[in-house]
Amino acid sequence: MSYGSDLADSYRLAGIYIGKILNGANPADLPVQPMVKVALVINMRTAKTLGLTIPLALLGRVDEVIE
């Protein structure tokens, strides 16, 4: 189980920064923006190997389940 940044959101933010730089903004003047969207991923095969049971309430909240 892990939290990580959403790749689509990362690419979107990178595109915004590149667009501002190409329009003449100084990269040093651009603010650093934290990731807004994160994804929770659970690897069920590893959980079963370790003998863990994942509650259904948690499985309902995950963004991706790896079988």
N, C-alpha and C. Protein backbone atom coordinates (compact mmCIF):
# COMPACT_ATOMS: atom_id res chain seq x y z
N MET A 1 0.85 -1.16 0.00
CA MET A 1 0.00 0.00 0.00
C MET A 1 0.90 1.23 0.00
N SER A 2 0.61 2.16 -0.86
CA SER A 2 1.42 3.37 -0.90
C SER A 2 0.61 4.53 -1.47
N TYR A 3 1.04 5.71 -1.07
CA TYR A 3 0.53 6.94 -1.65
C TYR A 3 1.57 7.44 -2.63
N GLY A 4 1.12 7.98 -3.73
CA GLY A 4 2.04 8.54 -4.70
C GLY A 4 1.35 9.61 -5.51
N SER A 5 2.14 10.36 -6.23
CA SER A 5 1.55 11.42 -7.04
C SER A 5 0.86 10.82 -8.26
N ASP A 6 -0.17 11.48 -8.69
CA ASP A 6 -0.91 11.08 -9.88
C ASP A 6 -0.12 11.55 -11.09
N LEU A 7 0.28 10.61 -11.97
CA LEU A 7 1.13 10.97 -13.11
C LEU A 7 0.44 11.95 -14.06
N ALA A 8 -0.83 11.76 -14.29
CA ALA A 8 -1.54 12.69 -15.19
C ALA A 8 -1.51 14.10 -14.64
N ASP A 9 -1.67 14.24 -13.34
CA ASP A 9 -1.62 15.57 -12.71
C ASP A 9 -0.21 16.14 -12.78
N SER A 10 0.80 15.28 -12.64
CA SER A 10 2.19 15.74 -12.74
C SER A 10 2.48 16.28 -14.14
N TYR A 11 2.02 15.56 -15.15
CA TYR A 11 2.24 16.01 -16.53
C TYR A 11 1.49 17.31 -16.80
N ARG A 12 0.29 17.45 -16.22
CA ARG A 12 -0.48 18.68 -16.42
C ARG A 12 0.25 19.87 -15.82
N LEU A 13 0.79 19.70 -14.59
CA LEU A 13 1.54 20.79 -13.95
C LEU A 13 2.81 21.12 -14.73
N ALA A 14 3.49 20.09 -15.24
CA ALA A 14 4.69 20.33 -16.04
C ALA A 14 4.35 21.12 -17.30
N GLY A 15 3.23 20.80 -17.92
CA GLY A 15 2.80 21.53 -19.11
C GLY A 15 2.50 22.98 -18.82
N ILE A 16 1.91 23.24 -17.66
CA ILE A 16 1.62 24.63 -17.27
C ILE A 16 2.92 25.41 -17.09
N TYR A 17 3.90 24.80 -16.39
CA TYR A 17 5.19 25.46 -16.19
C TYR A 17 5.89 25.71 -17.52
N ILE A 18 5.90 24.73 -18.40
CA ILE A 18 6.56 24.89 -19.71
C ILE A 18 5.88 25.99 -20.50
N GLY A 19 4.55 26.04 -20.46
CA GLY A 19 3.83 27.08 -21.17
C GLY A 19 4.20 28.47 -20.66
N LYS A 20 4.32 28.62 -19.35
CA LYS A 20 4.70 29.92 -18.79
C LYS A 20 6.12 30.30 -19.19
N ILE A 21 7.02 29.33 -19.19
CA ILE A 21 8.41 29.62 -19.57
C ILE A 21 8.50 29.99 -21.04
N LEU A 22 7.77 29.28 -21.89
CA LEU A 22 7.78 29.59 -23.32
C LEU A 22 7.15 30.95 -23.62
N ASN A 23 6.27 31.40 -22.74
CA ASN A 23 5.67 32.72 -22.92
C ASN A 23 6.52 33.83 -22.33
N GLY A 24 7.71 33.49 -21.83
CA GLY A 24 8.64 34.53 -21.40
C GLY A 24 8.84 34.67 -19.91
N ALA A 25 8.22 33.85 -19.10
CA ALA A 25 8.39 33.96 -17.65
C ALA A 25 9.78 33.44 -17.25
N ASN A 26 10.34 34.08 -16.26
CA ASN A 26 11.63 33.65 -15.74
C ASN A 26 11.40 32.43 -14.84
N PRO A 27 12.05 31.29 -15.09
CA PRO A 27 11.83 30.10 -14.27
C PRO A 27 12.11 30.32 -12.79
N ALA A 28 13.04 31.19 -12.45
CA ALA A 28 13.36 31.45 -11.05
C ALA A 28 12.21 32.18 -10.34
N ASP A 29 11.36 32.87 -11.10
CA ASP A 29 10.25 33.61 -10.50
C ASP A 29 8.98 32.78 -10.34
N LEU A 30 8.94 31.59 -10.93
CA LEU A 30 7.75 30.76 -10.85
C LEU A 30 7.67 30.07 -9.48
N PRO A 31 6.51 30.07 -8.86
CA PRO A 31 6.38 29.43 -7.55
C PRO A 31 6.38 27.91 -7.68
N VAL A 32 6.84 27.24 -6.65
CA VAL A 32 6.79 25.79 -6.60
C VAL A 32 5.40 25.39 -6.12
N GLN A 33 4.73 24.56 -6.89
CA GLN A 33 3.39 24.14 -6.53
C GLN A 33 3.43 22.68 -6.08
N PRO A 34 2.87 22.39 -4.91
CA PRO A 34 2.84 20.99 -4.45
C PRO A 34 1.81 20.19 -5.24
N MET A 35 1.99 18.89 -5.23
CA MET A 35 1.03 18.02 -5.90
C MET A 35 -0.31 18.13 -5.18
N VAL A 36 -1.36 18.28 -5.93
CA VAL A 36 -2.68 18.43 -5.35
C VAL A 36 -3.37 17.07 -5.25
N LYS A 37 -3.16 16.24 -6.24
CA LYS A 37 -3.84 14.95 -6.27
C LYS A 37 -2.85 13.83 -6.03
N VAL A 38 -3.14 12.98 -5.08
CA VAL A 38 -2.33 11.80 -4.81
C VAL A 38 -3.19 10.56 -4.99
N ALA A 39 -2.54 9.43 -5.25
CA ALA A 39 -3.26 8.19 -5.48
C ALA A 39 -2.85 7.16 -4.44
N LEU A 40 -3.83 6.41 -3.94
CA LEU A 40 -3.57 5.31 -3.01
C LEU A 40 -3.66 4.02 -3.80
N VAL A 41 -2.58 3.22 -3.75
CA VAL A 41 -2.50 1.97 -4.50
C VAL A 41 -2.25 0.84 -3.51
N ILE A 42 -2.99 -0.26 -3.67
CA ILE A 42 -2.80 -1.44 -2.82
C ILE A 42 -2.47 -2.62 -3.72
N ASN A 43 -1.41 -3.35 -3.36
CA ASN A 43 -1.01 -4.56 -4.07
C ASN A 43 -1.59 -5.74 -3.30
N MET A 44 -2.66 -6.33 -3.82
CA MET A 44 -3.35 -7.41 -3.12
C MET A 44 -2.52 -8.70 -3.08
N ARG A 45 -1.73 -8.97 -4.11
CA ARG A 45 -0.91 -10.18 -4.11
C ARG A 45 0.10 -10.14 -2.96
N THR A 46 0.73 -8.99 -2.76
CA THR A 46 1.69 -8.85 -1.67
C THR A 46 0.98 -8.93 -0.32
N ALA A 47 -0.20 -8.33 -0.22
CA ALA A 47 -0.95 -8.39 1.03
C ALA A 47 -1.31 -9.83 1.38
N LYS A 48 -1.73 -10.61 0.39
CA LYS A 48 -2.07 -12.01 0.64
C LYS A 48 -0.83 -12.81 1.01
N THR A 49 0.31 -12.53 0.35
CA THR A 49 1.56 -13.22 0.67
C THR A 49 1.98 -12.96 2.11
N LEU A 50 1.76 -11.73 2.58
CA LEU A 50 2.11 -11.37 3.94
C LEU A 50 1.05 -11.79 4.96
N GLY A 51 -0.07 -12.29 4.47
CA GLY A 51 -1.14 -12.71 5.37
C GLY A 51 -1.98 -11.57 5.89
N LEU A 52 -2.02 -10.48 5.17
CA LEU A 52 -2.79 -9.31 5.60
C LEU A 52 -4.19 -9.34 5.00
N THR A 53 -5.15 -8.89 5.74
CA THR A 53 -6.50 -8.70 5.20
C THR A 53 -6.77 -7.21 5.17
N ILE A 54 -7.17 -6.74 4.03
CA ILE A 54 -7.44 -5.32 3.83
C ILE A 54 -8.94 -5.10 4.06
N PRO A 55 -9.31 -4.21 4.97
CA PRO A 55 -10.74 -3.97 5.24
C PRO A 55 -11.46 -3.43 4.00
N LEU A 56 -12.72 -3.79 3.87
CA LEU A 56 -13.51 -3.34 2.72
C LEU A 56 -13.66 -1.82 2.71
N ALA A 57 -13.68 -1.19 3.87
CA ALA A 57 -13.79 0.27 3.92
C ALA A 57 -12.57 0.91 3.27
N LEU A 58 -11.40 0.32 3.46
CA LEU A 58 -10.19 0.85 2.83
C LEU A 58 -10.17 0.55 1.35
N LEU A 59 -10.61 -0.65 0.96
CA LEU A 59 -10.65 -0.99 -0.46
C LEU A 59 -11.59 -0.09 -1.24
N GLY A 60 -12.60 0.42 -0.58
CA GLY A 60 -13.53 1.34 -1.24
C GLY A 60 -12.93 2.71 -1.51
N ARG A 61 -11.84 3.03 -0.84
CA ARG A 61 -11.24 4.36 -0.99
C ARG A 61 -10.00 4.39 -1.89
N VAL A 62 -9.49 3.22 -2.28
CA VAL A 62 -8.25 3.20 -3.06
C VAL A 62 -8.51 3.66 -4.49
N ASP A 63 -7.46 4.16 -5.11
CA ASP A 63 -7.54 4.60 -6.50
C ASP A 63 -7.21 3.46 -7.47
N GLU A 64 -6.36 2.54 -7.02
CA GLU A 64 -5.96 1.43 -7.88
C GLU A 64 -5.64 0.22 -7.01
N VAL A 65 -6.14 -0.94 -7.44
CA VAL A 65 -5.83 -2.21 -6.77
C VAL A 65 -5.06 -3.06 -7.75
N ILE A 66 -3.87 -3.50 -7.34
CA ILE A 66 -3.06 -4.38 -8.18
C ILE A 66 -3.35 -5.80 -7.73
N GLU A 67 -3.82 -6.63 -8.65
CA GLU A 67 -4.18 -8.01 -8.30
C GLU A 67 -2.98 -8.91 -8.33
